[in-house]
Amino acid sequence: MTDVADRAAVAWSPAEFTERLRAQSTRYHNLHPFHQRMDGGALSREELQRWVTNRFYYQKCIPLKDAAILANCPEVEVRREWIGRILDHDGTAAEPGGIDSWLALGESLGVSRRELVSERGVLPAVRYAVDAYVTFARERPWIEAVASSLTELFGPAAIKVRLEALERHYPWIDPAGLQYFRTRLVKAPRDARYALDLTLERCTTLERQEAAVAALRFKTEMLWAQLDAIDRGESQPPGPRA
């Protein structure tokens, strides 16, 4: 019985572990009906505005997630590398980051910066899903939170399709507002390579490998839940939002 249990607990090879992580691409939100309609040019202006408004809440929380990883990580070398993600999104005094680029995207879709920053249009289910992701990064081991970021393995291909679709099907969008996607086509593969190497290096037991895959699965579910809410549309409790 012990021999059977020992064999069952053997860790996956790096190749098999990588394959299991990449297999989560079949759960990525580019396959959600909402994104499929976006890529096919079937969304209305109002739907695109609802999407950019709600997705902004996710964008602004990405640095909070990354800060939680830094707070939990005891390794100087990893922190030095990972902090670049926060600067990529928050920007610096000299160079705006991804959050500012998303605000520009909102403006190109007819949603003002003031409206996006106010969060008045953020749907309750979107807020709940994103907050759950930040909480996950704060409470789970830092390497699991790193593994959850591996949706970046699937992002560039989806972003390329999305960028081409927005340019082709929605000519009323100012092309200058699409810079966020062009930048991510460069930075996401870089970030994914580092996170994947780190995950493979640190998750060397079957238990840690399974936890890493589960973390990535959780991230895909969070992104999917966001789009479920955005797809359904207006669903707010009655009464004032401010």
C-alpha atoms as a PDB file:
ATOM      1  CA  MET A   1       0.000   0.000   0.000  1.00  0.00           C
ATOM      2  CA  THR A   2       2.855   2.370   0.812  1.00  0.00           C
ATOM      3  CA  ASP A   3       4.528   1.711  -2.543  1.00  0.00           C
ATOM      4  CA  VAL A   4       1.270   2.574  -4.348  1.00  0.00           C
ATOM      5  CA  ALA A   5       0.904   5.787  -2.365  1.00  0.00           C
ATOM      6  CA  ASP A   6       4.532   6.739  -3.038  1.00  0.00           C
ATOM      7  CA  ARG A   7       4.120   6.197  -6.760  1.00  0.00           C
ATOM      8  CA  ALA A   8       0.917   8.232  -6.763  1.00  0.00           C
ATOM      9  CA  ALA A   9       2.762  11.135  -5.133  1.00  0.00           C
ATOM     10  CA  VAL A  10       5.554  11.330  -7.719  1.00  0.00           C
ATOM     11  CA  ALA A  11       5.824  14.840  -9.080  1.00  0.00           C
ATOM     12  CA  TRP A  12       5.114  15.534 -12.739  1.00  0.00           C
ATOM     13  CA  SER A  13       8.056  16.093 -15.024  1.00  0.00           C
ATOM     14  CA  PRO A  14       8.653  19.728 -16.049  1.00  0.00           C
ATOM     15  CA  ALA A  15       7.199  18.920 -19.486  1.00  0.00           C
ATOM     16  CA  GLU A  16       4.042  17.352 -18.060  1.00  0.00           C
ATOM     17  CA  PHE A  17       3.646  20.130 -15.497  1.00  0.00           C
ATOM     18  CA  THR A  18       3.946  22.736 -18.249  1.00  0.00           C
ATOM     19  CA  GLU A  19       1.427  20.854 -20.376  1.00  0.00           C
ATOM     20  CA  ARG A  20      -1.084  20.782 -17.511  1.00  0.00           C
ATOM     21  CA  LEU A  21      -0.678  24.505 -16.967  1.00  0.00           C
ATOM     22  CA  ARG A  22      -1.038  25.284 -20.654  1.00  0.00           C
ATOM     23  CA  ALA A  23      -4.110  23.042 -20.839  1.00  0.00           C
ATOM     24  CA  GLN A  24      -5.953  25.704 -18.838  1.00  0.00           C
ATOM     25  CA  SER A  25      -6.020  27.733 -22.066  1.00  0.00           C
ATOM     26  CA  THR A  26      -9.222  25.865 -22.924  1.00  0.00           C
ATOM     27  CA  ARG A  27     -10.826  27.757 -20.024  1.00  0.00           C
ATOM     28  CA  TYR A  28      -9.499  31.204 -20.954  1.00  0.00           C
ATOM     29  CA  HIS A  29     -12.013  34.022 -21.291  1.00  0.00           C
ATOM     30  CA  ASN A  30     -11.283  34.655 -24.965  1.00  0.00           C
ATOM     31  CA  LEU A  31     -13.656  31.705 -25.491  1.00  0.00           C
ATOM     32  CA  HIS A  32     -16.475  33.387 -23.553  1.00  0.00           C
ATOM     33  CA  PRO A  33     -19.494  34.230 -25.748  1.00  0.00           C
ATOM     34  CA  PHE A  34     -19.050  37.932 -24.962  1.00  0.00           C
ATOM     35  CA  HIS A  35     -15.485  37.982 -26.291  1.00  0.00           C
ATOM     36  CA  GLN A  36     -16.507  35.837 -29.235  1.00  0.00           C
ATOM     37  CA  ARG A  37     -19.093  38.465 -30.169  1.00  0.00           C
ATOM     38  CA  MET A  38     -16.542  41.226 -29.659  1.00  0.00           C
ATOM     39  CA  ASP A  39     -14.072  39.514 -31.957  1.00  0.00           C
ATOM     40  CA  GLY A  40     -16.824  38.989 -34.516  1.00  0.00           C
ATOM     41  CA  GLY A  41     -17.831  42.647 -34.531  1.00  0.00           C
ATOM     42  CA  ALA A  42     -21.250  41.978 -33.004  1.00  0.00           C
ATOM     43  CA  LEU A  43     -21.109  44.162 -29.892  1.00  0.00           C
ATOM     44  CA  SER A  44     -22.959  47.441 -29.611  1.00  0.00           C
ATOM     45  CA  ARG A  45     -21.302  50.664 -28.512  1.00  0.00           C
ATOM     46  CA  GLU A  46     -23.100  50.349 -25.177  1.00  0.00           C
ATOM     47  CA  GLU A  47     -21.782  46.823 -24.633  1.00  0.00           C
ATOM     48  CA  LEU A  48     -18.225  47.895 -25.382  1.00  0.00           C
ATOM     49  CA  GLN A  49     -18.588  50.804 -22.976  1.00  0.00           C
ATOM     50  CA  ARG A  50     -19.902  48.467 -20.268  1.00  0.00           C
ATOM     51  CA  TRP A  51     -16.942  46.172 -20.878  1.00  0.00           C
ATOM     52  CA  VAL A  52     -14.283  48.895 -20.721  1.00  0.00           C
ATOM     53  CA  THR A  53     -15.888  50.365 -17.587  1.00  0.00           C
ATOM     54  CA  ASN A  54     -15.977  47.098 -15.676  1.00  0.00           C
ATOM     55  CA  ARG A  55     -12.646  45.818 -16.908  1.00  0.00           C
ATOM     56  CA  PHE A  56     -11.057  49.002 -15.571  1.00  0.00           C
ATOM     57  CA  TYR A  57     -11.796  47.810 -12.051  1.00  0.00           C
ATOM     58  CA  TYR A  58      -9.756  44.695 -12.777  1.00  0.00           C
ATOM     59  CA  GLN A  59      -6.942  46.736 -14.320  1.00  0.00           C
ATOM     60  CA  LYS A  60      -6.652  49.042 -11.318  1.00  0.00           C
ATOM     61  CA  CYS A  61      -6.503  46.053  -8.962  1.00  0.00           C
ATOM     62  CA  ILE A  62      -3.694  44.236 -10.798  1.00  0.00           C
ATOM     63  CA  PRO A  63      -0.977  46.250  -8.978  1.00  0.00           C
ATOM     64  CA  LEU A  64      -2.707  45.450  -5.670  1.00  0.00           C
ATOM     65  CA  LYS A  65      -2.478  41.762  -6.524  1.00  0.00           C
ATOM     66  CA  ASP A  66       1.181  42.116  -7.426  1.00  0.00           C
ATOM     67  CA  ALA A  67       1.879  44.094  -4.260  1.00  0.00           C
ATOM     68  CA  ALA A  68       0.358  41.233  -2.258  1.00  0.00           C
ATOM     69  CA  ILE A  69       2.753  38.812  -3.955  1.00  0.00           C
ATOM     70  CA  LEU A  70       5.673  41.079  -3.036  1.00  0.00           C
ATOM     71  CA  ALA A  71       4.490  41.325   0.568  1.00  0.00           C
ATOM     72  CA  ASN A  72       4.363  37.523   0.886  1.00  0.00           C
ATOM     73  CA  CYS A  73       7.600  36.754  -0.980  1.00  0.00           C
ATOM     74  CA  PRO A  74      10.736  36.544   1.204  1.00  0.00           C
ATOM     75  CA  GLU A  75      13.151  36.395  -1.752  1.00  0.00           C
ATOM     76  CA  VAL A  76      14.912  39.611  -2.723  1.00  0.00           C
ATOM     77  CA  GLU A  77      15.691  38.495  -6.281  1.00  0.00           C
ATOM     78  CA  VAL A  78      12.073  37.637  -7.003  1.00  0.00           C
ATOM     79  CA  ARG A  79      10.832  40.889  -5.508  1.00  0.00           C
ATOM     80  CA  ARG A  80      13.275  42.881  -7.634  1.00  0.00           C
ATOM     81  CA  GLU A  81      11.891  41.248 -10.748  1.00  0.00           C
ATOM     82  CA  TRP A  82       8.230  41.240  -9.795  1.00  0.00           C
ATOM     83  CA  ILE A  83       8.065  44.902  -8.806  1.00  0.00           C
ATOM     84  CA  GLY A  84       8.406  45.769 -12.477  1.00  0.00           C
ATOM     85  CA  ARG A  85       4.847  44.581 -12.982  1.00  0.00           C
ATOM     86  CA  ILE A  86       3.555  47.228 -10.606  1.00  0.00           C
ATOM     87  CA  LEU A  87       5.469  49.930 -12.446  1.00  0.00           C
ATOM     88  CA  ASP A  88       4.159  48.598 -15.763  1.00  0.00           C
ATOM     89  CA  HIS A  89       0.593  49.196 -14.589  1.00  0.00           C
ATOM     90  CA  ASP A  90       0.925  52.163 -12.237  1.00  0.00           C
ATOM     91  CA  GLY A  91       3.490  53.921 -14.382  1.00  0.00           C
ATOM     92  CA  THR A  92       5.978  56.474 -13.111  1.00  0.00           C
ATOM     93  CA  ALA A  93       6.168  60.256 -12.959  1.00  0.00           C
ATOM     94  CA  ALA A  94       7.971  60.168 -16.298  1.00  0.00           C
ATOM     95  CA  GLU A  95       6.093  57.394 -18.084  1.00  0.00           C
ATOM     96  CA  PRO A  96       2.383  56.479 -17.824  1.00  0.00           C
ATOM     97  CA  GLY A  97       1.535  52.826 -17.300  1.00  0.00           C
ATOM     98  CA  GLY A  98      -1.165  50.354 -18.202  1.00  0.00           C
ATOM     99  CA  ILE A  99      -3.817  51.944 -16.008  1.00  0.00           C
ATOM    100  CA  ASP A 100      -3.420  55.249 -17.812  1.00  0.00           C
ATOM    101  CA  SER A 101      -3.526  53.409 -21.142  1.00  0.00           C
ATOM    102  CA  TRP A 102      -6.809  51.801 -20.119  1.00  0.00           C
ATOM    103  CA  LEU A 103      -8.224  55.219 -19.227  1.00  0.00           C
ATOM    104  CA  ALA A 104      -7.269  56.327 -22.734  1.00  0.00           C
ATOM    105  CA  LEU A 105      -9.025  53.252 -24.122  1.00  0.00           C
ATOM    106  CA  GLY A 106     -12.141  54.234 -22.194  1.00  0.00           C
ATOM    107  CA  GLU A 107     -12.023  57.714 -23.699  1.00  0.00           C
ATOM    108  CA  SER A 108     -11.702  56.249 -27.199  1.00  0.00           C
ATOM    109  CA  LEU A 109     -14.869  54.264 -26.481  1.00  0.00           C
ATOM    110  CA  GLY A 110     -16.731  57.317 -25.225  1.00  0.00           C
ATOM    111  CA  VAL A 111     -16.324  56.759 -21.471  1.00  0.00           C
ATOM    112  CA  SER A 112     -14.626  59.618 -19.641  1.00  0.00           C
ATOM    113  CA  ARG A 113     -11.746  59.129 -17.243  1.00  0.00           C
ATOM    114  CA  ARG A 114     -13.859  60.628 -14.506  1.00  0.00           C
ATOM    115  CA  GLU A 115     -16.571  58.045 -15.085  1.00  0.00           C
ATOM    116  CA  LEU A 116     -14.113  55.142 -15.067  1.00  0.00           C
ATOM    117  CA  VAL A 117     -12.332  56.309 -11.926  1.00  0.00           C
ATOM    118  CA  SER A 118     -15.640  56.864 -10.121  1.00  0.00           C
ATOM    119  CA  GLU A 119     -16.441  53.116 -10.416  1.00  0.00           C
ATOM    120  CA  ARG A 120     -20.136  53.967 -10.579  1.00  0.00           C
ATOM    121  CA  GLY A 121     -20.623  51.584 -13.462  1.00  0.00           C
ATOM    122  CA  VAL A 122     -18.836  48.609 -11.889  1.00  0.00           C
ATOM    123  CA  LEU A 123     -21.227  45.703 -11.544  1.00  0.00           C
ATOM    124  CA  PRO A 124     -21.427  43.998  -8.120  1.00  0.00           C
ATOM    125  CA  ALA A 125     -20.411  40.602  -9.492  1.00  0.00           C
ATOM    126  CA  VAL A 126     -17.366  42.103 -11.228  1.00  0.00           C
ATOM    127  CA  ARG A 127     -16.270  43.833  -8.033  1.00  0.00           C
ATOM    128  CA  TYR A 128     -16.784  40.618  -6.063  1.00  0.00           C
ATOM    129  CA  ALA A 129     -14.777  38.507  -8.525  1.00  0.00           C
ATOM    130  CA  VAL A 130     -11.856  40.927  -8.738  1.00  0.00           C
ATOM    131  CA  ASP A 131     -11.735  41.454  -4.977  1.00  0.00           C
ATOM    132  CA  ALA A 132     -11.650  37.670  -4.545  1.00  0.00           C
ATOM    133  CA  TYR A 133      -8.578  37.535  -6.770  1.00  0.00           C
ATOM    134  CA  VAL A 134      -6.749  40.180  -4.742  1.00  0.00           C
ATOM    135  CA  THR A 135      -7.685  38.317  -1.557  1.00  0.00           C
ATOM    136  CA  PHE A 136      -6.364  35.091  -3.086  1.00  0.00           C
ATOM    137  CA  ALA A 137      -2.986  36.743  -3.707  1.00  0.00           C
ATOM    138  CA  ARG A 138      -2.881  38.067  -0.159  1.00  0.00           C
ATOM    139  CA  GLU A 139      -3.822  34.844   1.579  1.00  0.00           C
ATOM    140  CA  ARG A 140      -2.333  32.043  -0.507  1.00  0.00           C
ATOM    141  CA  PRO A 141       1.384  31.161  -0.759  1.00  0.00           C
ATOM    142  CA  TRP A 142       3.150  33.619  -3.034  1.00  0.00           C
ATOM    143  CA  ILE A 143       4.151  30.973  -5.590  1.00  0.00           C
ATOM    144  CA  GLU A 144       0.482  30.025  -6.059  1.00  0.00           C
ATOM    145  CA  ALA A 145      -0.340  33.661  -6.754  1.00  0.00           C
ATOM    146  CA  VAL A 146       2.526  33.694  -9.262  1.00  0.00           C
ATOM    147  CA  ALA A 147       1.051  30.605 -10.930  1.00  0.00           C
ATOM    148  CA  SER A 148      -2.334  32.299 -11.144  1.00  0.00           C
ATOM    149  CA  SER A 149      -0.763  34.991 -13.314  1.00  0.00           C
ATOM    150  CA  LEU A 150       0.020  32.417 -15.992  1.00  0.00           C
ATOM    151  CA  THR A 151      -3.092  33.367 -17.922  1.00  0.00           C
ATOM    152  CA  GLU A 152      -0.445  35.570 -19.578  1.00  0.00           C
ATOM    153  CA  LEU A 153       0.587  32.418 -21.432  1.00  0.00           C
ATOM    154  CA  PHE A 154      -2.709  32.631 -23.313  1.00  0.00           C
ATOM    155  CA  GLY A 155      -3.118  36.394 -23.401  1.00  0.00           C
ATOM    156  CA  PRO A 156      -0.972  37.499 -26.349  1.00  0.00           C
ATOM    157  CA  ALA A 157      -2.750  35.335 -28.931  1.00  0.00           C
ATOM    158  CA  ALA A 158      -6.130  36.530 -27.651  1.00  0.00           C
ATOM    159  CA  ILE A 159      -4.988  40.160 -27.536  1.00  0.00           C
ATOM    160  CA  LYS A 160      -3.751  40.004 -31.124  1.00  0.00           C
ATOM    161  CA  VAL A 161      -7.170  38.768 -32.270  1.00  0.00           C
ATOM    162  CA  ARG A 162      -8.941  41.387 -30.137  1.00  0.00           C
ATOM    163  CA  LEU A 163      -6.798  44.246 -31.412  1.00  0.00           C
ATOM    164  CA  GLU A 164      -7.385  43.297 -35.040  1.00  0.00           C
ATOM    165  CA  ALA A 165     -11.117  42.895 -34.396  1.00  0.00           C
ATOM    166  CA  LEU A 166     -11.460  46.276 -32.705  1.00  0.00           C
ATOM    167  CA  GLU A 167      -9.632  47.976 -35.565  1.00  0.00           C
ATOM    168  CA  ARG A 168     -11.590  46.152 -38.270  1.00  0.00           C
ATOM    169  CA  HIS A 169     -15.130  46.009 -36.873  1.00  0.00           C
ATOM    170  CA  TYR A 170     -15.350  49.184 -34.793  1.00  0.00           C
ATOM    171  CA  PRO A 171     -13.889  51.999 -36.943  1.00  0.00           C
ATOM    172  CA  TRP A 172     -15.407  54.623 -34.658  1.00  0.00           C
ATOM    173  CA  ILE A 173     -12.796  53.770 -32.000  1.00  0.00           C
ATOM    174  CA  ASP A 174      -9.802  56.115 -32.027  1.00  0.00           C
ATOM    175  CA  PRO A 175      -6.801  53.861 -32.849  1.00  0.00           C
ATOM    176  CA  ALA A 176      -4.638  55.817 -30.393  1.00  0.00           C
ATOM    177  CA  GLY A 177      -6.791  54.414 -27.605  1.00  0.00           C
ATOM    178  CA  LEU A 178      -5.736  50.850 -28.401  1.00  0.00           C
ATOM    179  CA  GLN A 179      -2.155  51.315 -27.229  1.00  0.00           C
ATOM    180  CA  TYR A 180      -2.801  49.224 -24.107  1.00  0.00           C
ATOM    181  CA  PHE A 181      -3.143  46.100 -26.243  1.00  0.00           C
ATOM    182  CA  ARG A 182      -0.079  46.865 -28.356  1.00  0.00           C
ATOM    183  CA  THR A 183       2.013  47.244 -25.213  1.00  0.00           C
ATOM    184  CA  ARG A 184       0.742  43.988 -23.706  1.00  0.00           C
ATOM    185  CA  LEU A 185       1.697  42.112 -26.869  1.00  0.00           C
ATOM    186  CA  VAL A 186       5.298  42.895 -25.910  1.00  0.00           C
ATOM    187  CA  LYS A 187       5.194  42.720 -22.118  1.00  0.00           C
ATOM    188  CA  ALA A 188       2.862  39.758 -21.516  1.00  0.00           C
ATOM    189  CA  PRO A 189       5.152  37.139 -23.148  1.00  0.00           C
ATOM    190  CA  ARG A 190       8.105  38.456 -21.134  1.00  0.00           C
ATOM    191  CA  ASP A 191       6.138  38.294 -17.885  1.00  0.00           C
ATOM    192  CA  ALA A 192       4.756  34.850 -18.703  1.00  0.00           C
ATOM    193  CA  ARG A 193       8.220  33.404 -19.347  1.00  0.00           C
ATOM    194  CA  TYR A 194       9.505  34.579 -15.981  1.00  0.00           C
ATOM    195  CA  ALA A 195       6.419  33.406 -14.075  1.00  0.00           C
ATOM    196  CA  LEU A 196       6.444  30.003 -15.787  1.00  0.00           C
ATOM    197  CA  ASP A 197      10.143  29.459 -15.076  1.00  0.00           C
ATOM    198  CA  LEU A 198       9.597  30.448 -11.444  1.00  0.00           C
ATOM    199  CA  THR A 199       6.594  28.132 -11.086  1.00  0.00           C
ATOM    200  CA  LEU A 200       8.447  25.175 -12.602  1.00  0.00           C
ATOM    201  CA  GLU A 201      11.490  25.841 -10.418  1.00  0.00           C
ATOM    202  CA  ARG A 202       9.643  26.168  -7.095  1.00  0.00           C
ATOM    203  CA  CYS A 203       6.780  23.696  -7.503  1.00  0.00           C
ATOM    204  CA  THR A 204       8.732  20.465  -7.397  1.00  0.00           C
ATOM    205  CA  THR A 205       6.330  18.282  -5.419  1.00  0.00           C
ATOM    206  CA  LEU A 206       3.056  16.938  -6.733  1.00  0.00           C
ATOM    207  CA  GLU A 207       1.175  18.825  -4.029  1.00  0.00           C
ATOM    208  CA  ARG A 208       2.676  22.155  -5.058  1.00  0.00           C
ATOM    209  CA  GLN A 209       2.197  21.410  -8.739  1.00  0.00           C
ATOM    210  CA  GLU A 210      -1.477  20.602  -8.237  1.00  0.00           C
ATOM    211  CA  ALA A 211      -1.888  23.779  -6.181  1.00  0.00           C
ATOM    212  CA  ALA A 212      -0.316  25.790  -9.006  1.00  0.00           C
ATOM    213  CA  VAL A 213      -2.697  24.332 -11.590  1.00  0.00           C
ATOM    214  CA  ALA A 214      -5.621  24.983  -9.238  1.00  0.00           C
ATOM    215  CA  ALA A 215      -4.478  28.597  -8.827  1.00  0.00           C
ATOM    216  CA  LEU A 216      -4.406  29.082 -12.582  1.00  0.00           C
ATOM    217  CA  ARG A 217      -7.820  27.452 -12.879  1.00  0.00           C
ATOM    218  CA  PHE A 218      -9.139  29.865 -10.224  1.00  0.00           C
ATOM    219  CA  LYS A 219      -7.839  32.789 -12.281  1.00  0.00           C
ATOM    220  CA  THR A 220      -9.590  31.551 -15.425  1.00  0.00           C
ATOM    221  CA  GLU A 221     -12.820  31.224 -13.433  1.00  0.00           C
ATOM    222  CA  MET A 222     -12.468  34.750 -12.090  1.00  0.00           C
ATOM    223  CA  LEU A 223     -12.032  36.155 -15.592  1.00  0.00           C
ATOM    224  CA  TRP A 224     -14.969  34.093 -16.841  1.00  0.00           C
ATOM    225  CA  ALA A 225     -17.181  35.278 -13.986  1.00  0.00           C
ATOM    226  CA  GLN A 226     -16.313  38.883 -14.853  1.00  0.00           C
ATOM    227  CA  LEU A 227     -17.529  38.404 -18.398  1.00  0.00           C
ATOM    228  CA  ASP A 228     -20.660  36.591 -17.252  1.00  0.00           C
ATOM    229  CA  ALA A 229     -21.608  39.715 -15.321  1.00  0.00           C
ATOM    230  CA  ILE A 230     -20.630  42.090 -18.122  1.00  0.00           C
ATOM    231  CA  ASP A 231     -22.564  39.973 -20.606  1.00  0.00           C
ATOM    232  CA  ARG A 232     -25.725  40.075 -18.482  1.00  0.00           C
ATOM    233  CA  GLY A 233     -25.460  43.830 -18.215  1.00  0.00           C
ATOM    234  CA  GLU A 234     -27.053  46.215 -15.791  1.00  0.00           C
ATOM    235  CA  SER A 235     -27.669  44.473 -12.491  1.00  0.00           C
ATOM    236  CA  GLN A 236     -27.357  46.871  -9.595  1.00  0.00           C
ATOM    237  CA  PRO A 237     -29.186  47.110  -6.274  1.00  0.00           C
ATOM    238  CA  PRO A 238     -31.653  50.009  -6.269  1.00  0.00           C
ATOM    239  CA  GLY A 239     -30.712  53.257  -4.597  1.00  0.00           C
ATOM    240  CA  PRO A 240     -27.798  55.654  -4.791  1.00  0.00           C
ATOM    241  CA  ARG A 241     -24.388  54.361  -5.909  1.00  0.00           C
ATOM    242  CA  ALA A 242     -22.312  57.137  -4.373  1.00  0.00           C
END
